[in-house]
């Protein structure tokens, strides 16, 4: 009876336009079905909401590169091991000018990119819920050989579409959010009202929390334990706007999780229920400066993950074009 009463209260709050602040695991479990895109593009679909990036959408996005300005959204590669970055990017020279094996300089890269440091894209095989991934595909399809379905190679043609920046610190008149701060649907709406923007079907939605501005001001901290992020009710808003890809300068989730018993509710709902790839640990500082200078917060965005067969994601250097 308590579960039914709680869910009824949730429906009343949503109907009144008020967003609940006490989301529970039961709510997340319900939204896994209510907000699901399973079967929307067929039983064999492996790219989820990227289906919303149509040829017409790409053509429209190409018109946004009017100024000829490009901005990288990748945070500089971190090769230093620290508490914040326990898995640094490894760069090893295999042939140099000091000890040449041939007439070429050569090297080897290695990176464990999932986590809270490296800019990367999560494929839809990255997370499991009740034994399944997006579109009902069993989690047993991910083995030591990699993912036989929903892997990052599903996006081998890249994603080129319209990108939209929602700059929450600028909305609130602060340089950055503090760890644990939540961003709610009313904040997203307030930014659209302030800028005159619209989030449209097939867009890449980028939400700036100001993570790297805070790091520059206050130094490193354990982002994986304490970070600002989207409150879970934002997923309904994202679903209603038919966003193709979601990204931020964090991992989208508030840390620690505001929902007892659910580790990362935004990741869970987006990757598994909606089938929406995620862009983690982007650096949105230069993008925020550029959008503010140009007084426009939409742009063409290009995502070209490494098409690794069976891969659960890829390091990424997204490019915004104005």
Foldseek 3Di string as FASTA:
>chain_A
DVLVVVVVVCVVCVVVVHHDDQDAPSNLVVCLPVLFCQQVVHLQDQQFLLVLCDPVQLVVQVVQQPVFDKDWFWDPAAQDDDLQHPWGKDKAWPADPVHHPDPDTDIDIDTPAPDWAGWWKFFLLQDDDPQATANRHGNVCQDPVFHQGRAPLVQQVWRKGKEFEQEQCVLVVHQFAFWQAEDEPVSVVSSCVVQVDDQAANYEYEYERNVVVVCVVPNDDRCQATHYAYQLNCVVVCSVRSYQAYEYLGQRARHPHSYPPDRGSVCCCQSGRRVHMYTHNTHCPVVVVVCVVVSHGMFIKIWRFDSDVNHRIGRTTMMTRD
